[in-house]
Amino acid sequence: MVAVCDALCYDARHSTCVCSACGGVNHGRGYDQAVANTRQLHTEWLERALTEHPDVAFEIGADVTQLPLFPLES
């Protein structure tokens, strides 16, 4: 299962975060802050993974982008 943090979380108006991806960091913060928070979380997750599993090779693609919230119609 892949956890997803989306507009239901970062644009939330209710007080309880039910997002399993961000742990509440992005709850009600808005899109721009959620992007910044998620980049920071990613850095922390990667650093922890490298520390806990030094024998595993990790590669980060330079072409990684975020997916659009809604697919574009053609």
N, C-alpha and C. Protein backbone atom coordinates (compact mmCIF):
# COMPACT_ATOMS: atom_id res chain seq x y z
N MET A 1 0.84 -1.18 0.00
CA MET A 1 0.00 0.00 0.00
C MET A 1 0.89 1.25 0.00
N VAL A 2 0.50 2.23 -0.78
CA VAL A 2 1.23 3.48 -0.86
C VAL A 2 0.42 4.55 -0.13
N ALA A 3 1.07 5.21 0.80
CA ALA A 3 0.41 6.30 1.52
C ALA A 3 0.47 7.56 0.68
N VAL A 4 -0.60 8.31 0.68
CA VAL A 4 -0.69 9.52 -0.14
C VAL A 4 -1.13 10.69 0.71
N CYS A 5 -0.45 11.79 0.56
CA CYS A 5 -0.85 13.04 1.20
C CYS A 5 -1.32 13.96 0.08
N ASP A 6 -2.60 14.30 0.10
CA ASP A 6 -3.15 15.10 -0.99
C ASP A 6 -3.98 16.25 -0.44
N ALA A 7 -4.76 16.87 -1.30
CA ALA A 7 -5.55 18.04 -0.91
C ALA A 7 -6.51 17.76 0.24
N LEU A 8 -6.93 16.51 0.39
CA LEU A 8 -7.79 16.18 1.54
C LEU A 8 -7.07 16.44 2.85
N CYS A 9 -5.76 16.38 2.82
CA CYS A 9 -4.96 16.65 4.01
C CYS A 9 -4.52 18.11 4.06
N TYR A 10 -3.76 18.55 3.04
CA TYR A 10 -3.16 19.88 3.15
C TYR A 10 -4.15 21.03 3.00
N ASP A 11 -5.34 20.76 2.45
CA ASP A 11 -6.38 21.78 2.41
C ASP A 11 -7.49 21.51 3.43
N ALA A 12 -7.23 20.63 4.37
CA ALA A 12 -8.24 20.21 5.35
C ALA A 12 -8.71 21.37 6.23
N ARG A 13 -9.96 21.31 6.58
CA ARG A 13 -10.56 22.29 7.48
C ARG A 13 -10.96 21.64 8.82
N HIS A 14 -10.96 20.31 8.87
CA HIS A 14 -11.29 19.60 10.10
C HIS A 14 -10.03 19.46 10.97
N SER A 15 -10.21 19.16 12.23
CA SER A 15 -9.08 19.19 13.17
C SER A 15 -8.25 17.91 13.22
N THR A 16 -8.76 16.80 12.74
CA THR A 16 -8.06 15.52 12.86
C THR A 16 -7.45 15.11 11.52
N CYS A 17 -6.17 14.82 11.53
CA CYS A 17 -5.49 14.36 10.32
C CYS A 17 -5.63 12.85 10.22
N VAL A 18 -6.10 12.38 9.08
CA VAL A 18 -6.24 10.94 8.86
C VAL A 18 -5.26 10.45 7.79
N CYS A 19 -4.34 11.31 7.41
CA CYS A 19 -3.35 10.99 6.38
C CYS A 19 -2.23 10.16 6.99
N SER A 20 -1.97 9.01 6.40
CA SER A 20 -0.90 8.16 6.94
C SER A 20 0.46 8.47 6.32
N ALA A 21 0.51 9.40 5.38
CA ALA A 21 1.77 9.71 4.72
C ALA A 21 2.58 10.77 5.47
N CYS A 22 1.93 11.84 5.88
CA CYS A 22 2.68 12.96 6.47
C CYS A 22 2.67 12.96 8.00
N GLY A 23 1.83 12.17 8.60
CA GLY A 23 1.75 12.13 10.06
C GLY A 23 1.23 13.42 10.66
N GLY A 24 0.51 14.21 9.87
CA GLY A 24 -0.07 15.44 10.36
C GLY A 24 0.74 16.69 10.06
N VAL A 25 1.94 16.54 9.53
CA VAL A 25 2.81 17.69 9.25
C VAL A 25 2.17 18.64 8.23
N ASN A 26 1.47 18.09 7.25
CA ASN A 26 0.88 18.91 6.19
C ASN A 26 -0.57 19.28 6.44
N HIS A 27 -1.15 18.80 7.51
CA HIS A 27 -2.58 18.97 7.74
C HIS A 27 -3.00 20.44 7.80
N GLY A 28 -3.82 20.83 6.83
CA GLY A 28 -4.34 22.19 6.80
C GLY A 28 -3.32 23.26 6.48
N ARG A 29 -2.15 22.89 5.96
CA ARG A 29 -1.07 23.84 5.73
C ARG A 29 -1.12 24.50 4.36
N GLY A 30 -1.91 23.98 3.45
CA GLY A 30 -1.94 24.52 2.09
C GLY A 30 -0.90 23.85 1.22
N TYR A 31 -1.09 23.96 -0.08
CA TYR A 31 -0.26 23.26 -1.06
C TYR A 31 1.22 23.63 -0.97
N ASP A 32 1.55 24.91 -1.02
CA ASP A 32 2.95 25.32 -1.06
C ASP A 32 3.73 24.86 0.18
N GLN A 33 3.14 25.00 1.35
CA GLN A 33 3.81 24.56 2.58
C GLN A 33 3.91 23.04 2.61
N ALA A 34 2.88 22.35 2.10
CA ALA A 34 2.92 20.89 2.06
C ALA A 34 4.05 20.39 1.18
N VAL A 35 4.28 21.06 0.05
CA VAL A 35 5.40 20.68 -0.83
C VAL A 35 6.72 20.86 -0.09
N ALA A 36 6.90 21.98 0.57
CA ALA A 36 8.14 22.23 1.32
C ALA A 36 8.31 21.21 2.45
N ASN A 37 7.23 20.95 3.18
CA ASN A 37 7.28 19.97 4.28
C ASN A 37 7.64 18.58 3.76
N THR A 38 7.04 18.20 2.64
CA THR A 38 7.26 16.86 2.10
C THR A 38 8.69 16.71 1.60
N ARG A 39 9.25 17.75 1.03
CA ARG A 39 10.66 17.69 0.62
C ARG A 39 11.56 17.49 1.83
N GLN A 40 11.26 18.17 2.93
CA GLN A 40 12.04 18.01 4.16
C GLN A 40 11.86 16.60 4.72
N LEU A 41 10.63 16.10 4.73
CA LEU A 41 10.38 14.74 5.21
C LEU A 41 11.16 13.73 4.37
N HIS A 42 11.16 13.92 3.07
CA HIS A 42 11.89 13.00 2.19
C HIS A 42 13.37 12.98 2.53
N THR A 43 13.95 14.13 2.76
CA THR A 43 15.36 14.22 3.13
C THR A 43 15.63 13.46 4.42
N GLU A 44 14.75 13.65 5.41
CA GLU A 44 14.91 12.96 6.69
C GLU A 44 14.75 11.45 6.54
N TRP A 45 13.76 11.01 5.74
CA TRP A 45 13.55 9.58 5.52
C TRP A 45 14.76 8.95 4.83
N LEU A 46 15.30 9.64 3.84
CA LEU A 46 16.46 9.11 3.12
C LEU A 46 17.68 9.04 4.03
N GLU A 47 17.92 10.07 4.82
CA GLU A 47 19.05 10.06 5.75
C GLU A 47 18.92 8.91 6.75
N ARG A 48 17.71 8.70 7.27
CA ARG A 48 17.48 7.60 8.21
C ARG A 48 17.71 6.25 7.53
N ALA A 49 17.23 6.10 6.29
CA ALA A 49 17.41 4.84 5.57
C ALA A 49 18.88 4.57 5.32
N LEU A 50 19.64 5.58 4.95
CA LEU A 50 21.07 5.41 4.70
C LEU A 50 21.82 5.04 5.98
N THR A 51 21.38 5.59 7.11
CA THR A 51 22.01 5.27 8.40
C THR A 51 21.66 3.86 8.85
N GLU A 52 20.39 3.50 8.72
CA GLU A 52 19.93 2.19 9.20
C GLU A 52 20.31 1.05 8.26
N HIS A 53 20.53 1.35 6.98
CA HIS A 53 20.83 0.31 5.98
C HIS A 53 21.99 0.75 5.09
N PRO A 54 23.18 0.88 5.67
CA PRO A 54 24.32 1.37 4.88
C PRO A 54 24.73 0.43 3.75
N ASP A 55 24.29 -0.82 3.80
CA ASP A 55 24.66 -1.80 2.78
C ASP A 55 23.73 -1.77 1.57
N VAL A 56 22.69 -0.95 1.61
CA VAL A 56 21.73 -0.87 0.52
C VAL A 56 22.01 0.39 -0.29
N ALA A 57 22.04 0.24 -1.60
CA ALA A 57 22.29 1.38 -2.48
C ALA A 57 20.97 2.09 -2.78
N PHE A 58 20.98 3.40 -2.64
CA PHE A 58 19.81 4.22 -2.95
C PHE A 58 20.17 5.14 -4.10
N GLU A 59 19.24 5.31 -5.00
CA GLU A 59 19.46 6.22 -6.12
C GLU A 59 18.28 7.16 -6.22
N ILE A 60 18.58 8.44 -6.35
CA ILE A 60 17.53 9.44 -6.50
C ILE A 60 17.62 9.96 -7.92
N GLY A 61 16.53 9.83 -8.65
CA GLY A 61 16.52 10.30 -10.03
C GLY A 61 16.42 11.81 -10.11
N ALA A 62 17.21 12.40 -10.99
CA ALA A 62 17.17 13.85 -11.17
C ALA A 62 15.90 14.29 -11.87
N ASP A 63 15.19 13.35 -12.49
CA ASP A 63 13.99 13.69 -13.24
C ASP A 63 12.71 13.46 -12.45
N VAL A 64 12.84 13.29 -11.14
CA VAL A 64 11.67 13.05 -10.31
C VAL A 64 10.83 14.31 -10.25
N THR A 65 9.54 14.16 -10.48
CA THR A 65 8.61 15.28 -10.42
C THR A 65 7.39 14.88 -9.64
N GLN A 66 6.60 15.83 -9.27
CA GLN A 66 5.36 15.51 -8.58
C GLN A 66 4.29 15.25 -9.63
N LEU A 67 3.38 14.37 -9.31
CA LEU A 67 2.26 14.09 -10.20
C LEU A 67 1.20 15.16 -10.03
N PRO A 68 0.49 15.50 -11.10
CA PRO A 68 -0.59 16.48 -10.96
C PRO A 68 -1.70 15.90 -10.09
N LEU A 69 -2.38 16.77 -9.37
CA LEU A 69 -3.47 16.31 -8.52
C LEU A 69 -4.57 15.70 -9.35
N PHE A 70 -4.86 16.31 -10.50
CA PHE A 70 -5.88 15.79 -11.40
C PHE A 70 -5.25 15.61 -12.78
N PRO A 71 -5.46 14.45 -13.40
CA PRO A 71 -4.87 14.23 -14.73
C PRO A 71 -5.42 15.25 -15.74
N LEU A 72 -4.55 15.66 -16.65
CA LEU A 72 -4.97 16.57 -17.70
C LEU A 72 -5.75 15.80 -18.75
N GLU A 73 -6.81 16.41 -19.22
CA GLU A 73 -7.60 15.77 -20.27
C GLU A 73 -6.96 16.08 -21.61
N SER A 74 -6.98 15.09 -22.50
CA SER A 74 -6.38 15.33 -23.83
C SER A 74 -7.43 15.58 -24.87
